[in-house]
Every structure is written in C-alpha cells, then in structure tokens.
Amino acid sequence: MPQIPEKIHELTVGQLSARSGAAVSALHFYESKGLISSRRTSGNQRRYTRDTLRRVAFVRAAQRVGIPLGTIREALSELPEERTPTRADWARLSAAWRAELDERIRQLNRLRDHLTDCIGCGCLSLDTCVLSNPDDAFGERRAGSRLLPERVERVERVERVERVERTERTERGR
C-alpha cells in the first residue's frame, strides 16, 4: 500500500483510492451522497483531507455489515468535520445499528430455513412463499402470485379464446 508522507495533508482522488482500496468512482459516489467531502483546486481537481481515509474505512465497514448509506451519512453527520472517526465513535454508532442488524439476521435465517419451499421456477406462485409473500400476506386476498397479475390475466384471456376456437372447430367437424 503506498505510503503518504506526513507533510502531505491533502490527497488526490487517486491517492485516496490507492490507500483506501475504494474505486475512484466509489469515492465520487460517496462524495455525491455526502459521506465524504473535498475541496477543489484552481484547476477543479478534488483534494481530500487525510481524515477522509478513516471516513472511507468507516463507510466501507458499515456497508459490509449491511448498513444503508443514508444511515451511514446520518452517523457521520454527528461527527465534526475534519475529525477522524475513532474506535469510540464506531462503538457508539454500531451499537445503535445492532437492533437493525439483529432483525436482518432473523430475516435471513428465516429465508435460509424456508428456501426449499421456493419452487424455483421464477413465478413464486406458492401461497405462502417466504420470498415474495412473507406471512402469506397475499393469501388472505386470493391464492397465487401477485407479481405478474396482468400477465396472468392476459394468458387466461388467450386460453379462453383458444378453448372457444377448439370447441367451435370440434362442433363444425361433427
């Protein structure tokens, strides 16, 4: 990993990318979402302060555990600008995310445990499909999938027309 001399207090986007492991496009995206910030030089080039390295590490760690970017942005907004998030900051903020992560883990465990119930054909037409119909929310209204009702109705119309045409052909042949 390239080392940045201590006397350099600002990083180019390329240096930040090389040190953080985040793609330049990801850094631009993070900036557009308000997760990190830069100043512009007279030549309109981005310059990031050194503390941005820790902020990027913070964002990437939070993303790896499934925290949405909006939640990460709210957490970072609690920190003063130009200050590197500390271990204590991470502990405080990640404790607030624990309930959300526990719920996601519960949902993923439920999905894993019921995955064999999925018929795997793409239509997900089981009455109690835990993928598209958790707790059979749609089953109270009627059986079958709600993902493509217009397509189903169109297919049913075509099938009715074909049945009528077959019946007419059969009657004509008698």
C-alpha atoms as a PDB file:
ATOM      1  CA  MET A   1       0.000   0.000   0.000  1.00  0.00           C
ATOM      2  CA  PRO A   2       1.508   3.363  -0.956  1.00  0.00           C
ATOM      3  CA  GLN A   3       2.593   5.456   1.986  1.00  0.00           C
ATOM      4  CA  ILE A   4       1.734   9.128   2.115  1.00  0.00           C
ATOM      5  CA  PRO A   5       4.346  11.381   3.708  1.00  0.00           C
ATOM      6  CA  GLU A   6       3.179  13.071   6.916  1.00  0.00           C
ATOM      7  CA  LYS A   7       3.837  16.524   5.434  1.00  0.00           C
ATOM      8  CA  ILE A   8       1.107  15.938   2.829  1.00  0.00           C
ATOM      9  CA  HIS A   9      -2.175  16.974   4.392  1.00  0.00           C
ATOM     10  CA  GLU A  10      -4.358  16.565   1.316  1.00  0.00           C
ATOM     11  CA  LEU A  11      -4.815  13.632  -1.009  1.00  0.00           C
ATOM     12  CA  THR A  12      -5.787  13.445  -4.654  1.00  0.00           C
ATOM     13  CA  VAL A  13      -8.656  11.131  -5.548  1.00  0.00           C
ATOM     14  CA  GLY A  14      -6.108   8.659  -6.938  1.00  0.00           C
ATOM     15  CA  GLN A  15      -4.104   8.651  -3.715  1.00  0.00           C
ATOM     16  CA  LEU A  16      -7.256   8.243  -1.648  1.00  0.00           C
ATOM     17  CA  SER A  17      -8.347   5.378  -3.885  1.00  0.00           C
ATOM     18  CA  ALA A  18      -4.976   3.631  -3.646  1.00  0.00           C
ATOM     19  CA  ARG A  19      -4.819   3.949   0.141  1.00  0.00           C
ATOM     20  CA  SER A  20      -8.451   3.107   0.886  1.00  0.00           C
ATOM     21  CA  GLY A  21      -8.964   0.360  -1.677  1.00  0.00           C
ATOM     22  CA  ALA A  22     -12.130   2.081  -2.886  1.00  0.00           C
ATOM     23  CA  ALA A  23     -12.509   2.733  -6.603  1.00  0.00           C
ATOM     24  CA  VAL A  24     -12.348   6.346  -7.746  1.00  0.00           C
ATOM     25  CA  SER A  25     -15.955   6.043  -8.930  1.00  0.00           C
ATOM     26  CA  ALA A  26     -16.973   4.843  -5.448  1.00  0.00           C
ATOM     27  CA  LEU A  27     -15.244   7.852  -3.875  1.00  0.00           C
ATOM     28  CA  HIS A  28     -17.075  10.190  -6.252  1.00  0.00           C
ATOM     29  CA  PHE A  29     -20.316   8.404  -5.365  1.00  0.00           C
ATOM     30  CA  TYR A  30     -19.619   8.712  -1.622  1.00  0.00           C
ATOM     31  CA  GLU A  31     -18.988  12.396  -2.125  1.00  0.00           C
ATOM     32  CA  SER A  32     -22.219  12.863  -4.094  1.00  0.00           C
ATOM     33  CA  LYS A  33     -24.092  11.207  -1.212  1.00  0.00           C
ATOM     34  CA  GLY A  34     -22.486  13.469   1.403  1.00  0.00           C
ATOM     35  CA  LEU A  35     -20.427  10.735   3.052  1.00  0.00           C
ATOM     36  CA  ILE A  36     -17.092  12.422   2.366  1.00  0.00           C
ATOM     37  CA  SER A  37     -16.130  15.869   1.155  1.00  0.00           C
ATOM     38  CA  SER A  38     -13.340  17.503  -0.790  1.00  0.00           C
ATOM     39  CA  ARG A  39     -12.213  20.919  -1.783  1.00  0.00           C
ATOM     40  CA  ARG A  40     -11.471  21.900  -5.373  1.00  0.00           C
ATOM     41  CA  THR A  41      -8.182  23.295  -6.585  1.00  0.00           C
ATOM     42  CA  SER A  42      -7.995  26.180  -9.029  1.00  0.00           C
ATOM     43  CA  GLY A  43      -7.795  23.511 -11.735  1.00  0.00           C
ATOM     44  CA  ASN A  44     -11.041  21.958 -10.394  1.00  0.00           C
ATOM     45  CA  GLN A  45      -9.290  18.857  -9.039  1.00  0.00           C
ATOM     46  CA  ARG A  46     -10.551  17.243  -5.855  1.00  0.00           C
ATOM     47  CA  ARG A  47      -8.408  17.315  -2.717  1.00  0.00           C
ATOM     48  CA  TYR A  48      -9.311  15.278   0.357  1.00  0.00           C
ATOM     49  CA  THR A  49      -8.016  15.801   3.868  1.00  0.00           C
ATOM     50  CA  ARG A  50      -6.179  12.868   5.480  1.00  0.00           C
ATOM     51  CA  ASP A  51      -9.087  12.137   7.828  1.00  0.00           C
ATOM     52  CA  THR A  52     -11.098  11.125   4.761  1.00  0.00           C
ATOM     53  CA  LEU A  53      -9.147   7.840   4.753  1.00  0.00           C
ATOM     54  CA  ARG A  54     -10.710   6.880   8.089  1.00  0.00           C
ATOM     55  CA  ARG A  55     -14.142   8.063   6.967  1.00  0.00           C
ATOM     56  CA  VAL A  56     -13.934   5.879   3.851  1.00  0.00           C
ATOM     57  CA  ALA A  57     -12.871   2.913   6.011  1.00  0.00           C
ATOM     58  CA  PHE A  58     -15.825   3.646   8.299  1.00  0.00           C
ATOM     59  CA  VAL A  59     -18.246   3.755   5.330  1.00  0.00           C
ATOM     60  CA  ARG A  60     -16.912   0.529   3.841  1.00  0.00           C
ATOM     61  CA  ALA A  61     -17.027  -1.319   7.178  1.00  0.00           C
ATOM     62  CA  ALA A  62     -20.623  -0.208   7.742  1.00  0.00           C
ATOM     63  CA  GLN A  63     -21.582  -1.220   4.183  1.00  0.00           C
ATOM     64  CA  ARG A  64     -20.063  -4.685   4.662  1.00  0.00           C
ATOM     65  CA  VAL A  65     -22.446  -5.348   7.544  1.00  0.00           C
ATOM     66  CA  GLY A  66     -25.399  -4.105   5.505  1.00  0.00           C
ATOM     67  CA  ILE A  67     -25.967  -0.607   6.846  1.00  0.00           C
ATOM     68  CA  PRO A  68     -27.681   1.620   4.239  1.00  0.00           C
ATOM     69  CA  LEU A  69     -25.768   4.677   3.019  1.00  0.00           C
ATOM     70  CA  GLY A  70     -28.417   7.044   4.400  1.00  0.00           C
ATOM     71  CA  THR A  71     -27.904   5.637   7.884  1.00  0.00           C
ATOM     72  CA  ILE A  72     -24.126   5.887   7.485  1.00  0.00           C
ATOM     73  CA  ARG A  73     -24.471   9.521   6.373  1.00  0.00           C
ATOM     74  CA  GLU A  74     -26.576  10.319   9.455  1.00  0.00           C
ATOM     75  CA  ALA A  75     -23.941   8.716  11.669  1.00  0.00           C
ATOM     76  CA  LEU A  76     -21.092  10.639  10.052  1.00  0.00           C
ATOM     77  CA  SER A  77     -23.033  13.885  10.327  1.00  0.00           C
ATOM     78  CA  GLU A  78     -22.815  13.523  14.115  1.00  0.00           C
ATOM     79  CA  LEU A  79     -19.032  13.803  13.884  1.00  0.00           C
ATOM     80  CA  PRO A  80     -17.361  17.167  13.453  1.00  0.00           C
ATOM     81  CA  GLU A  81     -15.848  17.827  10.024  1.00  0.00           C
ATOM     82  CA  GLU A  82     -12.146  17.254   9.737  1.00  0.00           C
ATOM     83  CA  ARG A  83     -12.231  14.762  12.602  1.00  0.00           C
ATOM     84  CA  THR A  84     -11.334  11.156  12.111  1.00  0.00           C
ATOM     85  CA  PRO A  85     -13.904   8.686  13.472  1.00  0.00           C
ATOM     86  CA  THR A  86     -12.409   6.952  16.498  1.00  0.00           C
ATOM     87  CA  ARG A  87     -12.880   3.484  17.923  1.00  0.00           C
ATOM     88  CA  ALA A  88     -15.270   5.011  20.480  1.00  0.00           C
ATOM     89  CA  ASP A  89     -17.275   6.652  17.656  1.00  0.00           C
ATOM     90  CA  TRP A  90     -17.552   3.307  15.882  1.00  0.00           C
ATOM     91  CA  ALA A  91     -18.622   1.535  19.085  1.00  0.00           C
ATOM     92  CA  ARG A  92     -21.294   4.145  19.838  1.00  0.00           C
ATOM     93  CA  LEU A  93     -22.681   4.239  16.310  1.00  0.00           C
ATOM     94  CA  SER A  94     -22.545   0.491  15.699  1.00  0.00           C
ATOM     95  CA  ALA A  95     -24.399  -0.130  18.983  1.00  0.00           C
ATOM     96  CA  ALA A  96     -27.279   1.915  17.579  1.00  0.00           C
ATOM     97  CA  TRP A  97     -27.322  -0.324  14.486  1.00  0.00           C
ATOM     98  CA  ARG A  98     -27.386  -3.574  16.455  1.00  0.00           C
ATOM     99  CA  ALA A  99     -31.189  -3.937  16.582  1.00  0.00           C
ATOM    100  CA  GLU A 100     -31.458  -3.342  12.838  1.00  0.00           C
ATOM    101  CA  LEU A 101     -28.742  -5.913  12.154  1.00  0.00           C
ATOM    102  CA  ASP A 102     -30.348  -8.432  14.528  1.00  0.00           C
ATOM    103  CA  GLU A 103     -33.636  -8.071  12.613  1.00  0.00           C
ATOM    104  CA  ARG A 104     -31.872  -8.594   9.272  1.00  0.00           C
ATOM    105  CA  ILE A 105     -30.139 -11.679  10.643  1.00  0.00           C
ATOM    106  CA  ARG A 106     -33.513 -13.021  11.817  1.00  0.00           C
ATOM    107  CA  GLN A 107     -34.992 -12.432   8.346  1.00  0.00           C
ATOM    108  CA  LEU A 108     -32.026 -14.070   6.596  1.00  0.00           C
ATOM    109  CA  ASN A 109     -32.191 -17.090   8.914  1.00  0.00           C
ATOM    110  CA  ARG A 110     -35.917 -17.424   8.182  1.00  0.00           C
ATOM    111  CA  LEU A 111     -35.239 -17.170   4.460  1.00  0.00           C
ATOM    112  CA  ARG A 112     -32.482 -19.799   4.668  1.00  0.00           C
ATOM    113  CA  ASP A 113     -34.689 -22.147   6.676  1.00  0.00           C
ATOM    114  CA  HIS A 114     -37.573 -21.859   4.195  1.00  0.00           C
ATOM    115  CA  LEU A 115     -35.618 -21.624   0.956  1.00  0.00           C
ATOM    116  CA  THR A 116     -36.541 -25.172  -0.042  1.00  0.00           C
ATOM    117  CA  ASP A 117     -40.189 -24.080  -0.026  1.00  0.00           C
ATOM    118  CA  CYS A 118     -39.471 -21.973  -3.109  1.00  0.00           C
ATOM    119  CA  ILE A 119     -40.423 -23.816  -6.261  1.00  0.00           C
ATOM    120  CA  GLY A 120     -37.629 -22.052  -8.100  1.00  0.00           C
ATOM    121  CA  CYS A 121     -39.481 -21.540 -11.360  1.00  0.00           C
ATOM    122  CA  GLY A 122     -39.481 -17.756 -11.224  1.00  0.00           C
ATOM    123  CA  CYS A 123     -43.189 -17.245 -10.766  1.00  0.00           C
ATOM    124  CA  LEU A 124     -43.124 -17.748  -6.976  1.00  0.00           C
ATOM    125  CA  SER A 125     -46.731 -18.882  -7.032  1.00  0.00           C
ATOM    126  CA  LEU A 126     -46.755 -20.740  -3.725  1.00  0.00           C
ATOM    127  CA  ASP A 127     -49.484 -19.498  -1.423  1.00  0.00           C
ATOM    128  CA  THR A 128     -47.038 -18.997   1.427  1.00  0.00           C
ATOM    129  CA  CYS A 129     -43.800 -18.141  -0.328  1.00  0.00           C
ATOM    130  CA  VAL A 130     -41.384 -16.637   2.197  1.00  0.00           C
ATOM    131  CA  LEU A 131     -39.562 -14.880  -0.634  1.00  0.00           C
ATOM    132  CA  SER A 132     -42.343 -12.894  -2.279  1.00  0.00           C
ATOM    133  CA  ASN A 133     -45.173 -13.375   0.206  1.00  0.00           C
ATOM    134  CA  PRO A 134     -43.908 -13.478   3.815  1.00  0.00           C
ATOM    135  CA  ASP A 135     -46.568 -14.498   6.342  1.00  0.00           C
ATOM    136  CA  ASP A 136     -48.930 -15.182   3.393  1.00  0.00           C
ATOM    137  CA  ALA A 137     -49.987 -11.533   3.199  1.00  0.00           C
ATOM    138  CA  PHE A 138     -51.460 -12.062  -0.271  1.00  0.00           C
ATOM    139  CA  GLY A 139     -53.146 -15.359   0.586  1.00  0.00           C
ATOM    140  CA  GLU A 140     -55.837 -13.529   2.503  1.00  0.00           C
ATOM    141  CA  ARG A 141     -56.974 -11.903  -0.753  1.00  0.00           C
ATOM    142  CA  ARG A 142     -56.676 -14.912  -3.112  1.00  0.00           C
ATOM    143  CA  ALA A 143     -54.309 -17.744  -3.984  1.00  0.00           C
ATOM    144  CA  GLY A 144     -51.393 -17.414  -6.396  1.00  0.00           C
ATOM    145  CA  SER A 145     -48.693 -14.927  -7.152  1.00  0.00           C
ATOM    146  CA  ARG A 146     -49.289 -11.177  -7.185  1.00  0.00           C
ATOM    147  CA  LEU A 147     -46.082 -10.385  -9.007  1.00  0.00           C
ATOM    148  CA  LEU A 148     -47.490 -10.532 -12.538  1.00  0.00           C
ATOM    149  CA  PRO A 149     -51.292 -10.286 -12.321  1.00  0.00           C
ATOM    150  CA  GLU A 150     -51.668  -8.502 -15.661  1.00  0.00           C
ATOM    151  CA  ARG A 151     -49.681 -11.193 -17.441  1.00  0.00           C
ATOM    152  CA  VAL A 152     -51.759 -13.937 -15.813  1.00  0.00           C
ATOM    153  CA  GLU A 153     -54.991 -12.239 -16.860  1.00  0.00           C
ATOM    154  CA  ARG A 154     -53.681 -11.897 -20.427  1.00  0.00           C
ATOM    155  CA  VAL A 155     -52.706 -15.592 -20.538  1.00  0.00           C
ATOM    156  CA  GLU A 156     -56.121 -16.564 -19.153  1.00  0.00           C
ATOM    157  CA  ARG A 157     -57.843 -14.499 -21.883  1.00  0.00           C
ATOM    158  CA  VAL A 158     -55.734 -16.181 -24.589  1.00  0.00           C
ATOM    159  CA  GLU A 159     -56.511 -19.622 -23.135  1.00  0.00           C
ATOM    160  CA  ARG A 160     -60.266 -18.835 -23.104  1.00  0.00           C
ATOM    161  CA  VAL A 161     -60.143 -17.744 -26.755  1.00  0.00           C
ATOM    162  CA  GLU A 162     -58.234 -20.898 -27.698  1.00  0.00           C
ATOM    163  CA  ARG A 163     -60.777 -23.098 -25.863  1.00  0.00           C
ATOM    164  CA  VAL A 164     -63.659 -21.394 -27.666  1.00  0.00           C
ATOM    165  CA  GLU A 165     -61.924 -21.830 -31.042  1.00  0.00           C
ATOM    166  CA  ARG A 166     -61.243 -25.544 -30.336  1.00  0.00           C
ATOM    167  CA  THR A 167     -64.863 -26.073 -29.318  1.00  0.00           C
ATOM    168  CA  GLU A 168     -66.092 -24.360 -32.499  1.00  0.00           C
ATOM    169  CA  ARG A 169     -63.759 -26.469 -34.672  1.00  0.00           C
ATOM    170  CA  THR A 170     -64.918 -29.633 -32.955  1.00  0.00           C
ATOM    171  CA  GLU A 171     -68.585 -28.734 -33.433  1.00  0.00           C
ATOM    172  CA  ARG A 172     -68.002 -27.893 -37.097  1.00  0.00           C
ATOM    173  CA  GLY A 173     -66.312 -31.237 -37.634  1.00  0.00           C
ATOM    174  CA  ARG A 174     -69.390 -33.185 -36.424  1.00  0.00           C
END
